[in-house]
C-alpha atoms as a PDB file:
ATOM      1  CA  UNK A   1     -21.398  46.063 -22.656  1.00  0.00           C
ATOM      2  CA  UNK A   2     -19.965  48.611 -20.874  1.00  0.00           C
ATOM      3  CA  UNK A   3     -22.435  49.383 -18.745  1.00  0.00           C
ATOM      4  CA  UNK A   4     -22.150  46.485 -17.269  1.00  0.00           C
ATOM      5  CA  UNK A   5     -18.318  45.832 -16.926  1.00  0.00           C
ATOM      6  CA  UNK A   6     -18.233  49.358 -15.452  1.00  0.00           C
ATOM      7  CA  UNK A   7     -21.278  47.550 -12.888  1.00  0.00           C
ATOM      8  CA  UNK A   8     -19.753  44.520 -12.465  1.00  0.00           C
ATOM      9  CA  UNK A   9     -16.514  46.340 -12.119  1.00  0.00           C
ATOM     10  CA  UNK A  10     -17.940  48.382  -9.688  1.00  0.00           C
ATOM     11  CA  UNK A  11     -18.051  44.504  -7.054  1.00  0.00           C
ATOM     12  CA  UNK A  12     -14.252  45.044  -6.914  1.00  0.00           C
ATOM     13  CA  UNK A  13     -12.369  46.113  -3.965  1.00  0.00           C
ATOM     14  CA  UNK A  14      -9.381  46.711  -5.360  1.00  0.00           C
ATOM     15  CA  UNK A  15      -9.539  50.042  -6.910  1.00  0.00           C
ATOM     16  CA  UNK A  16      -9.678  49.355 -10.417  1.00  0.00           C
ATOM     17  CA  UNK A  17      -6.406  50.818 -12.523  1.00  0.00           C
ATOM     18  CA  UNK A  18      -4.804  47.957  -9.902  1.00  0.00           C
ATOM     19  CA  UNK A  19      -6.528  45.436 -10.582  1.00  0.00           C
ATOM     20  CA  UNK A  20      -5.437  46.345 -13.753  1.00  0.00           C
ATOM     21  CA  UNK A  21      -1.802  45.335 -13.583  1.00  0.00           C
ATOM     22  CA  UNK A  22      -2.612  42.402 -11.263  1.00  0.00           C
ATOM     23  CA  UNK A  23      -4.478  41.444 -14.719  1.00  0.00           C
ATOM     24  CA  UNK A  24      -1.803  42.683 -17.005  1.00  0.00           C
ATOM     25  CA  UNK A  25       0.497  40.287 -14.885  1.00  0.00           C
ATOM     26  CA  UNK A  26      -1.094  37.452 -14.893  1.00  0.00           C
ATOM     27  CA  UNK A  27      -2.088  37.209 -17.972  1.00  0.00           C
ATOM     28  CA  UNK A  28       1.144  38.066 -20.059  1.00  0.00           C
ATOM     29  CA  UNK A  29       4.016  37.624 -17.000  1.00  0.00           C
ATOM     30  CA  UNK A  30       6.499  39.631 -15.580  1.00  0.00           C
ATOM     31  CA  UNK A  31       7.379  43.050 -17.272  1.00  0.00           C
ATOM     32  CA  UNK A  32       9.092  46.345 -16.309  1.00  0.00           C
ATOM     33  CA  UNK A  33       7.175  48.984 -15.095  1.00  0.00           C
ATOM     34  CA  UNK A  34       7.683  50.991 -18.378  1.00  0.00           C
ATOM     35  CA  UNK A  35       6.220  48.250 -20.613  1.00  0.00           C
ATOM     36  CA  UNK A  36       3.389  48.212 -17.682  1.00  0.00           C
ATOM     37  CA  UNK A  37       2.654  52.081 -18.482  1.00  0.00           C
ATOM     38  CA  UNK A  38       2.655  51.400 -22.205  1.00  0.00           C
ATOM     39  CA  UNK A  39       0.252  48.049 -21.401  1.00  0.00           C
ATOM     40  CA  UNK A  40      -2.152  50.146 -19.747  1.00  0.00           C
ATOM     41  CA  UNK A  41      -1.466  53.260 -21.938  1.00  0.00           C
ATOM     42  CA  UNK A  42      -0.382  55.472 -18.490  1.00  0.00           C
ATOM     43  CA  UNK A  43       2.083  56.820 -18.032  1.00  0.00           C
ATOM     44  CA  UNK A  44       5.298  55.837 -16.714  1.00  0.00           C
ATOM     45  CA  UNK A  45       5.397  58.161 -13.374  1.00  0.00           C
ATOM     46  CA  UNK A  46       1.679  57.110 -12.920  1.00  0.00           C
ATOM     47  CA  UNK A  47       2.519  53.687 -13.543  1.00  0.00           C
ATOM     48  CA  UNK A  48       5.535  53.863 -10.914  1.00  0.00           C
ATOM     49  CA  UNK A  49       2.740  54.731  -8.113  1.00  0.00           C
ATOM     50  CA  UNK A  50       0.818  51.974  -8.725  1.00  0.00           C
ATOM     51  CA  UNK A  51       3.728  49.218  -9.035  1.00  0.00           C
ATOM     52  CA  UNK A  52       4.593  51.913  -5.468  1.00  0.00           C
ATOM     53  CA  UNK A  53       1.446  51.408  -3.963  1.00  0.00           C
ATOM     54  CA  UNK A  54       0.512  47.473  -5.171  1.00  0.00           C
ATOM     55  CA  UNK A  55       4.212  46.958  -3.923  1.00  0.00           C
ATOM     56  CA  UNK A  56       3.498  48.489  -0.131  1.00  0.00           C
ATOM     57  CA  UNK A  57       0.578  45.622  -0.848  1.00  0.00           C
ATOM     58  CA  UNK A  58       2.781  42.368  -0.775  1.00  0.00           C
ATOM     59  CA  UNK A  59       0.860  41.981  -4.781  1.00  0.00           C
ATOM     60  CA  UNK A  60       3.790  42.137  -6.553  1.00  0.00           C
ATOM     61  CA  UNK A  61       7.470  41.937  -6.312  1.00  0.00           C
ATOM     62  CA  UNK A  62      10.160  43.039  -8.204  1.00  0.00           C
ATOM     63  CA  UNK A  63      13.060  41.555  -9.304  1.00  0.00           C
ATOM     64  CA  UNK A  64      16.472  41.925 -11.247  1.00  0.00           C
ATOM     65  CA  UNK A  65      16.263  42.414 -14.856  1.00  0.00           C
ATOM     66  CA  UNK A  66      17.805  39.456 -16.823  1.00  0.00           C
ATOM     67  CA  UNK A  67      19.652  40.762 -19.735  1.00  0.00           C
ATOM     68  CA  UNK A  68      19.327  44.500 -19.124  1.00  0.00           C
ATOM     69  CA  UNK A  69      21.354  45.715 -15.544  1.00  0.00           C
ATOM     70  CA  UNK A  70      19.509  49.213 -15.278  1.00  0.00           C
ATOM     71  CA  UNK A  71      16.396  47.416 -15.543  1.00  0.00           C
ATOM     72  CA  UNK A  72      13.958  45.583 -13.042  1.00  0.00           C
ATOM     73  CA  UNK A  73      11.012  43.380 -13.417  1.00  0.00           C
ATOM     74  CA  UNK A  74       8.048  43.592 -11.744  1.00  0.00           C
ATOM     75  CA  UNK A  75       5.587  40.575 -11.318  1.00  0.00           C
ATOM     76  CA  UNK A  76       2.591  38.605  -9.051  1.00  0.00           C
ATOM     77  CA  UNK A  77       2.671  37.105  -5.360  1.00  0.00           C
ATOM     78  CA  UNK A  78       1.030  35.241  -4.375  1.00  0.00           C
ATOM     79  CA  UNK A  79      -0.826  36.913  -2.086  1.00  0.00           C
ATOM     80  CA  UNK A  80      -1.294  39.242  -5.901  1.00  0.00           C
ATOM     81  CA  UNK A  81      -2.128  36.076  -7.532  1.00  0.00           C
ATOM     82  CA  UNK A  82      -5.247  35.445  -3.959  1.00  0.00           C
ATOM     83  CA  UNK A  83      -6.338  38.692  -3.933  1.00  0.00           C
ATOM     84  CA  UNK A  84      -6.563  38.716  -8.418  1.00  0.00           C
ATOM     85  CA  UNK A  85      -8.709  35.280  -8.359  1.00  0.00           C
ATOM     86  CA  UNK A  86     -10.833  37.090  -5.568  1.00  0.00           C
ATOM     87  CA  UNK A  87     -11.186  39.940  -7.589  1.00  0.00           C
ATOM     88  CA  UNK A  88     -12.363  37.874 -10.545  1.00  0.00           C
ATOM     89  CA  UNK A  89     -14.770  35.607  -8.226  1.00  0.00           C
ATOM     90  CA  UNK A  90     -16.746  38.530  -6.412  1.00  0.00           C
ATOM     91  CA  UNK A  91     -17.504  39.107 -10.533  1.00  0.00           C
ATOM     92  CA  UNK A  92     -17.964  36.479 -11.507  1.00  0.00           C
ATOM     93  CA  UNK A  93     -20.295  36.126  -8.164  1.00  0.00           C
ATOM     94  CA  UNK A  94     -22.473  38.904  -8.873  1.00  0.00           C
ATOM     95  CA  UNK A  95     -23.616  38.395 -12.175  1.00  0.00           C
ATOM     96  CA  UNK A  96     -24.899  35.245 -12.319  1.00  0.00           C
ATOM     97  CA  UNK A  97     -26.399  36.184  -8.912  1.00  0.00           C
ATOM     98  CA  UNK A  98     -27.955  38.613 -11.638  1.00  0.00           C
ATOM     99  CA  UNK A  99     -28.815  36.809 -14.438  1.00  0.00           C
ATOM    100  CA  UNK A 100     -30.847  33.908 -12.074  1.00  0.00           C
ATOM    101  CA  UNK A 101     -32.521  36.906 -10.750  1.00  0.00           C
ATOM    102  CA  UNK A 102     -33.378  39.163 -13.976  1.00  0.00           C
ATOM    103  CA  UNK A 103     -33.533  37.346 -16.351  1.00  0.00           C
ATOM    104  CA  UNK A 104     -36.080  34.365 -17.772  1.00  0.00           C
ATOM    105  CA  UNK A 105     -34.616  29.738 -18.644  1.00  0.00           C
ATOM    106  CA  UNK A 106     -35.245  31.369 -22.127  1.00  0.00           C
ATOM    107  CA  UNK A 107     -33.528  34.727 -21.746  1.00  0.00           C
ATOM    108  CA  UNK A 108     -30.831  32.552 -19.905  1.00  0.00           C
ATOM    109  CA  UNK A 109     -30.254  30.385 -22.566  1.00  0.00           C
ATOM    110  CA  UNK A 110     -30.222  33.390 -25.399  1.00  0.00           C
ATOM    111  CA  UNK A 111     -27.684  35.095 -23.627  1.00  0.00           C
ATOM    112  CA  UNK A 112     -25.568  31.578 -23.315  1.00  0.00           C
ATOM    113  CA  UNK A 113     -25.378  31.127 -27.231  1.00  0.00           C
ATOM    114  CA  UNK A 114     -24.479  34.741 -27.382  1.00  0.00           C
ATOM    115  CA  UNK A 115     -21.452  35.019 -25.363  1.00  0.00           C
ATOM    116  CA  UNK A 116     -19.955  32.970 -28.172  1.00  0.00           C
ATOM    117  CA  UNK A 117     -19.978  35.259 -31.015  1.00  0.00           C
ATOM    118  CA  UNK A 118     -19.583  38.146 -28.813  1.00  0.00           C
ATOM    119  CA  UNK A 119     -16.282  35.188 -27.676  1.00  0.00           C
ATOM    120  CA  UNK A 120     -15.907  35.363 -30.974  1.00  0.00           C
ATOM    121  CA  UNK A 121     -15.842  38.198 -32.564  1.00  0.00           C
ATOM    122  CA  UNK A 122     -13.434  39.556 -28.891  1.00  0.00           C
ATOM    123  CA  UNK A 123     -10.948  37.508 -30.270  1.00  0.00           C
ATOM    124  CA  UNK A 124     -10.970  38.590 -34.357  1.00  0.00           C
ATOM    125  CA  UNK A 125      -7.537  39.729 -35.129  1.00  0.00           C
END
């Protein structure tokens, strides 16, 4: 699975670390830079650089924290949401083409059944 995941991510046009941050903001909503660093398991200084790069590209925006004036929240901009969707579509398109080109009808059916089992394992608490 890891090898396939890495291959699919190879289709990305936005660097992996930046896509991961956009994905986290899409899934979990606005976060502080520190929360993002913890979520991505990187140092806050490293995350500050990534946040800066994403802000320069207008893929995220910053706003005041509603309860703590010392903090700010970063969140996806409309451009960031569109860029993330484009990355996801590129990945899905590559995978769909690969499945069609490489797998027989029987193998495709088996893969579809297996996907349900993998999803069940991934969501296990």
